[in-house]
Amino acid sequence: MAYSGEKLPPGTLCVVCEDLATGNHYSVPSCNGCKTFFRRAVVNNRTFACMGHGNCPVNK
């Protein structure tokens, strides 16, 4: 796995939604959408729950 400051190999996917990753955000390869979502969740002290009986796909 790449460390902060290193470029990700071309084609690296976001570990959350499987879109193309733009960098290491929160220590994992992720896209800007997921980076922003999790930043807002942390800043606003939000928690989320799947309303689909535990079957909520997270993808692009």
N, C-alpha and C. Protein backbone atom coordinates (compact mmCIF):
# COMPACT_ATOMS: atom_id res chain seq x y z
N MET A 1 0.85 -1.17 0.00
CA MET A 1 0.00 0.00 0.00
C MET A 1 0.90 1.24 0.00
N ALA A 2 0.49 2.26 -0.71
CA ALA A 2 1.28 3.49 -0.77
C ALA A 2 1.17 4.27 0.54
N TYR A 3 2.21 4.99 0.83
CA TYR A 3 2.22 5.82 2.03
C TYR A 3 1.88 7.24 1.67
N SER A 4 1.50 8.03 2.64
CA SER A 4 1.15 9.43 2.41
C SER A 4 2.26 10.12 1.64
N GLY A 5 1.90 10.84 0.61
CA GLY A 5 2.88 11.54 -0.20
C GLY A 5 3.30 10.77 -1.44
N GLU A 6 3.03 9.46 -1.47
CA GLU A 6 3.34 8.65 -2.64
C GLU A 6 2.15 8.64 -3.58
N LYS A 7 2.44 8.58 -4.87
CA LYS A 7 1.36 8.45 -5.84
C LYS A 7 0.87 7.02 -5.87
N LEU A 8 -0.41 6.86 -6.10
CA LEU A 8 -0.99 5.53 -6.23
C LEU A 8 -0.73 5.00 -7.64
N PRO A 9 -0.59 3.70 -7.77
CA PRO A 9 -0.45 3.13 -9.11
C PRO A 9 -1.70 3.43 -9.95
N PRO A 10 -1.52 3.66 -11.25
CA PRO A 10 -2.69 3.93 -12.11
C PRO A 10 -3.71 2.79 -12.00
N GLY A 11 -4.97 3.16 -11.93
CA GLY A 11 -6.04 2.17 -11.86
C GLY A 11 -6.37 1.71 -10.46
N THR A 12 -5.73 2.28 -9.43
CA THR A 12 -6.04 1.90 -8.06
C THR A 12 -7.48 2.30 -7.75
N LEU A 13 -8.22 1.39 -7.13
CA LEU A 13 -9.63 1.63 -6.83
C LEU A 13 -9.84 2.07 -5.39
N CYS A 14 -10.86 2.87 -5.18
CA CYS A 14 -11.29 3.28 -3.84
C CYS A 14 -11.74 2.03 -3.08
N VAL A 15 -11.24 1.85 -1.86
CA VAL A 15 -11.60 0.66 -1.08
C VAL A 15 -13.03 0.73 -0.56
N VAL A 16 -13.66 1.88 -0.66
CA VAL A 16 -15.04 2.03 -0.18
C VAL A 16 -16.04 1.73 -1.29
N CYS A 17 -15.90 2.42 -2.43
CA CYS A 17 -16.93 2.33 -3.48
C CYS A 17 -16.45 1.76 -4.80
N GLU A 18 -15.17 1.46 -4.89
CA GLU A 18 -14.57 0.87 -6.09
C GLU A 18 -14.49 1.81 -7.29
N ASP A 19 -14.66 3.13 -7.07
CA ASP A 19 -14.40 4.12 -8.10
C ASP A 19 -12.87 4.29 -8.16
N LEU A 20 -12.36 5.06 -9.11
CA LEU A 20 -10.92 5.29 -9.17
C LEU A 20 -10.48 6.12 -7.96
N ALA A 21 -9.44 5.66 -7.29
CA ALA A 21 -8.91 6.37 -6.13
C ALA A 21 -8.08 7.57 -6.59
N THR A 22 -8.16 8.66 -5.86
CA THR A 22 -7.39 9.86 -6.18
C THR A 22 -6.18 10.02 -5.27
N GLY A 23 -6.12 9.23 -4.21
CA GLY A 23 -4.99 9.30 -3.28
C GLY A 23 -5.29 8.52 -2.03
N ASN A 24 -4.33 8.55 -1.11
CA ASN A 24 -4.54 7.91 0.19
C ASN A 24 -5.20 8.92 1.11
N HIS A 25 -6.42 8.68 1.45
CA HIS A 25 -7.18 9.55 2.35
C HIS A 25 -7.57 8.71 3.55
N TYR A 26 -7.25 9.18 4.74
CA TYR A 26 -7.51 8.42 5.97
C TYR A 26 -6.81 7.06 5.91
N SER A 27 -5.63 7.04 5.34
CA SER A 27 -4.73 5.87 5.28
C SER A 27 -5.17 4.76 4.34
N VAL A 28 -6.15 5.01 3.49
CA VAL A 28 -6.55 4.01 2.50
C VAL A 28 -6.75 4.69 1.14
N PRO A 29 -6.54 3.95 0.05
CA PRO A 29 -6.83 4.52 -1.26
C PRO A 29 -8.33 4.81 -1.38
N SER A 30 -8.67 6.05 -1.68
CA SER A 30 -10.08 6.39 -1.83
C SER A 30 -10.26 7.51 -2.84
N CYS A 31 -11.50 7.65 -3.31
CA CYS A 31 -11.85 8.69 -4.27
C CYS A 31 -12.20 9.97 -3.51
N ASN A 32 -12.33 11.06 -4.25
CA ASN A 32 -12.66 12.34 -3.60
C ASN A 32 -14.05 12.32 -2.97
N GLY A 33 -15.00 11.62 -3.60
CA GLY A 33 -16.36 11.55 -3.04
C GLY A 33 -16.38 10.90 -1.67
N CYS A 34 -15.70 9.77 -1.54
CA CYS A 34 -15.66 9.08 -0.25
C CYS A 34 -14.85 9.86 0.77
N LYS A 35 -13.76 10.47 0.33
CA LYS A 35 -12.95 11.30 1.22
C LYS A 35 -13.81 12.41 1.82
N THR A 36 -14.58 13.08 0.97
CA THR A 36 -15.43 14.19 1.43
C THR A 36 -16.54 13.68 2.34
N PHE A 37 -17.17 12.58 1.99
CA PHE A 37 -18.24 12.01 2.80
C PHE A 37 -17.74 11.70 4.21
N PHE A 38 -16.61 11.00 4.31
CA PHE A 38 -16.09 10.62 5.63
C PHE A 38 -15.56 11.82 6.40
N ARG A 39 -15.00 12.81 5.71
CA ARG A 39 -14.56 14.03 6.40
C ARG A 39 -15.75 14.73 7.04
N ARG A 40 -16.83 14.88 6.28
CA ARG A 40 -18.03 15.53 6.82
C ARG A 40 -18.63 14.72 7.96
N ALA A 41 -18.61 13.40 7.85
CA ALA A 41 -19.15 12.55 8.91
C ALA A 41 -18.35 12.75 10.20
N VAL A 42 -17.03 12.84 10.08
CA VAL A 42 -16.18 13.02 11.26
C VAL A 42 -16.36 14.43 11.84
N VAL A 43 -16.29 15.44 10.97
CA VAL A 43 -16.41 16.83 11.43
C VAL A 43 -17.75 17.08 12.11
N ASN A 44 -18.82 16.51 11.55
CA ASN A 44 -20.16 16.74 12.09
C ASN A 44 -20.60 15.67 13.09
N ASN A 45 -19.68 14.78 13.45
CA ASN A 45 -19.96 13.72 14.43
C ASN A 45 -21.21 12.91 14.06
N ARG A 46 -21.29 12.53 12.78
CA ARG A 46 -22.45 11.80 12.26
C ARG A 46 -22.21 10.29 12.33
N THR A 47 -23.27 9.54 12.49
CA THR A 47 -23.23 8.08 12.36
C THR A 47 -24.33 7.68 11.38
N PHE A 48 -24.11 6.58 10.70
CA PHE A 48 -25.04 6.13 9.68
C PHE A 48 -25.36 4.67 9.91
N ALA A 49 -26.56 4.26 9.52
CA ALA A 49 -26.97 2.87 9.63
C ALA A 49 -27.66 2.45 8.34
N CYS A 50 -27.43 1.22 7.93
CA CYS A 50 -28.07 0.67 6.74
C CYS A 50 -29.54 0.41 7.07
N MET A 51 -30.43 0.94 6.24
CA MET A 51 -31.86 0.74 6.44
C MET A 51 -32.36 -0.47 5.66
N GLY A 52 -31.44 -1.18 4.96
CA GLY A 52 -31.81 -2.32 4.12
C GLY A 52 -31.53 -3.64 4.78
N HIS A 53 -31.76 -3.74 6.07
CA HIS A 53 -31.56 -5.01 6.80
C HIS A 53 -30.15 -5.54 6.64
N GLY A 54 -29.16 -4.62 6.65
CA GLY A 54 -27.76 -5.02 6.54
C GLY A 54 -27.30 -5.32 5.13
N ASN A 55 -28.16 -5.07 4.14
CA ASN A 55 -27.81 -5.32 2.75
C ASN A 55 -27.82 -4.01 1.98
N CYS A 56 -26.88 -3.13 2.31
CA CYS A 56 -26.79 -1.82 1.65
C CYS A 56 -25.48 -1.73 0.88
N PRO A 57 -25.51 -1.98 -0.42
CA PRO A 57 -24.27 -1.90 -1.20
C PRO A 57 -23.74 -0.47 -1.21
N VAL A 58 -22.45 -0.34 -1.10
CA VAL A 58 -21.78 0.96 -1.22
C VAL A 58 -20.90 0.87 -2.44
N ASN A 59 -21.31 1.59 -3.50
CA ASN A 59 -20.55 1.56 -4.74
C ASN A 59 -20.80 2.83 -5.53
N LYS A 60 -20.08 2.93 -6.61
CA LYS A 60 -20.18 4.11 -7.47
C LYS A 60 -21.57 4.20 -8.04
